[in-house]
Amino acid sequence: FIDEDVPYGAVPTEALAQVAGLPTVAHHSCIELFQLLLRRDLRRENSMLEEIELKRRSKGELFNLFVQGWSE
């Protein structure tokens, strides 16, 4: 479960919360712990986040994506 749930569950949740300005102490800590245990960068294993350019989007843009869907 770690190979899927961390990169494709916890990592996107953490990234979305960062855009929204919300803390994700538990998510962040779990991601860091599993990265140490597995000796892998689990954040980089999720290529979808780069494709949707999450870090450059505002809260408003993300909200519209959730409401209206992806149109690009």
C-alpha atoms as a PDB file:
ATOM      1  CA  PHE A   1       0.000   0.000   0.000  1.00  0.00           C
ATOM      2  CA  ILE A   2       2.853   2.405   0.693  1.00  0.00           C
ATOM      3  CA  ASP A   3       3.973   2.429  -2.950  1.00  0.00           C
ATOM      4  CA  GLU A   4       0.572   3.761  -4.031  1.00  0.00           C
ATOM      5  CA  ASP A   5      -0.976   5.472  -1.015  1.00  0.00           C
ATOM      6  CA  VAL A   6       1.958   7.731  -0.193  1.00  0.00           C
ATOM      7  CA  PRO A   7       2.889   9.085  -3.660  1.00  0.00           C
ATOM      8  CA  TYR A   8      -0.696   9.178  -4.996  1.00  0.00           C
ATOM      9  CA  GLY A   9      -2.633   9.882  -1.782  1.00  0.00           C
ATOM     10  CA  ALA A  10      -0.626  11.624   0.907  1.00  0.00           C
ATOM     11  CA  VAL A  11       1.637  13.599  -1.438  1.00  0.00           C
ATOM     12  CA  PRO A  12      -1.208  15.218  -3.454  1.00  0.00           C
ATOM     13  CA  THR A  13      -3.104  15.948  -0.240  1.00  0.00           C
ATOM     14  CA  GLU A  14      -0.033  17.668   1.168  1.00  0.00           C
ATOM     15  CA  ALA A  15       0.469  19.634  -2.070  1.00  0.00           C
ATOM     16  CA  LEU A  16      -3.168  20.775  -2.239  1.00  0.00           C
ATOM     17  CA  ALA A  17      -3.061  21.843   1.399  1.00  0.00           C
ATOM     18  CA  GLN A  18       0.076  23.891   0.731  1.00  0.00           C
ATOM     19  CA  VAL A  19      -1.708  25.791  -2.038  1.00  0.00           C
ATOM     20  CA  ALA A  20      -4.662  26.365   0.307  1.00  0.00           C
ATOM     21  CA  GLY A  21      -2.325  27.487   3.090  1.00  0.00           C
ATOM     22  CA  LEU A  22      -3.322  24.661   5.420  1.00  0.00           C
ATOM     23  CA  PRO A  23      -0.964  22.639   7.617  1.00  0.00           C
ATOM     24  CA  THR A  24      -0.563  18.901   7.037  1.00  0.00           C
ATOM     25  CA  VAL A  25       1.679  17.923   9.901  1.00  0.00           C
ATOM     26  CA  ALA A  26       0.627  14.265   9.956  1.00  0.00           C
ATOM     27  CA  HIS A  27       0.816  13.820   6.174  1.00  0.00           C
ATOM     28  CA  HIS A  28       4.198  15.537   6.018  1.00  0.00           C
ATOM     29  CA  SER A  29       5.579  13.440   8.876  1.00  0.00           C
ATOM     30  CA  CYS A  30       4.342  10.162   7.385  1.00  0.00           C
ATOM     31  CA  ILE A  31       5.768  10.991   3.963  1.00  0.00           C
ATOM     32  CA  GLU A  32       9.124  11.841   5.510  1.00  0.00           C
ATOM     33  CA  LEU A  33       9.115   8.666   7.619  1.00  0.00           C
ATOM     34  CA  PHE A  34       8.356   6.377   4.683  1.00  0.00           C
ATOM     35  CA  GLN A  35      10.967   8.127   2.540  1.00  0.00           C
ATOM     36  CA  LEU A  36      13.575   7.453   5.230  1.00  0.00           C
ATOM     37  CA  LEU A  37      12.516   3.831   5.633  1.00  0.00           C
ATOM     38  CA  LEU A  38      12.398   3.120   1.894  1.00  0.00           C
ATOM     39  CA  ARG A  39      15.315   5.390   0.932  1.00  0.00           C
ATOM     40  CA  ARG A  40      13.237   6.835  -1.924  1.00  0.00           C
ATOM     41  CA  ASP A  41      11.847  10.249  -2.808  1.00  0.00           C
ATOM     42  CA  LEU A  42       8.153   9.418  -2.777  1.00  0.00           C
ATOM     43  CA  ARG A  43       7.178  12.993  -3.640  1.00  0.00           C
ATOM     44  CA  ARG A  44       9.004  12.732  -6.982  1.00  0.00           C
ATOM     45  CA  GLU A  45       7.367   9.396  -7.797  1.00  0.00           C
ATOM     46  CA  ASN A  46       4.063  11.131  -8.495  1.00  0.00           C
ATOM     47  CA  SER A  47       4.487  12.606 -11.981  1.00  0.00           C
ATOM     48  CA  MET A  48       0.863  13.781 -12.110  1.00  0.00           C
ATOM     49  CA  LEU A  49       1.591  16.783  -9.892  1.00  0.00           C
ATOM     50  CA  GLU A  50       4.091  18.141 -12.416  1.00  0.00           C
ATOM     51  CA  GLU A  51       1.646  17.596 -15.277  1.00  0.00           C
ATOM     52  CA  ILE A  52      -1.123  19.646 -13.648  1.00  0.00           C
ATOM     53  CA  GLU A  53       1.367  22.306 -12.558  1.00  0.00           C
ATOM     54  CA  LEU A  54      -0.130  22.384  -9.086  1.00  0.00           C
ATOM     55  CA  LYS A  55       2.527  24.629  -7.592  1.00  0.00           C
ATOM     56  CA  ARG A  56       1.753  27.480 -10.004  1.00  0.00           C
ATOM     57  CA  ARG A  57      -2.013  27.407  -9.442  1.00  0.00           C
ATOM     58  CA  SER A  58      -3.943  29.592  -7.026  1.00  0.00           C
ATOM     59  CA  LYS A  59      -6.655  28.469  -4.623  1.00  0.00           C
ATOM     60  CA  GLY A  60      -9.245  29.938  -6.993  1.00  0.00           C
ATOM     61  CA  GLU A  61      -7.893  28.036  -9.989  1.00  0.00           C
ATOM     62  CA  LEU A  62      -7.898  24.778  -8.041  1.00  0.00           C
ATOM     63  CA  PHE A  63     -11.442  25.376  -6.850  1.00  0.00           C
ATOM     64  CA  ASN A  64     -12.573  25.960 -10.443  1.00  0.00           C
ATOM     65  CA  LEU A  65     -10.841  22.758 -11.555  1.00  0.00           C
ATOM     66  CA  PHE A  66     -12.723  20.798  -8.912  1.00  0.00           C
ATOM     67  CA  VAL A  67     -16.062  22.412  -9.789  1.00  0.00           C
ATOM     68  CA  GLN A  68     -15.814  22.687 -13.591  1.00  0.00           C
ATOM     69  CA  GLY A  69     -13.346  19.936 -14.404  1.00  0.00           C
ATOM     70  CA  TRP A  70     -10.151  19.904 -16.418  1.00  0.00           C
ATOM     71  CA  SER A  71     -10.393  21.564 -19.835  1.00  0.00           C
ATOM     72  CA  GLU A  72      -6.785  21.837 -21.063  1.00  0.00           C
END
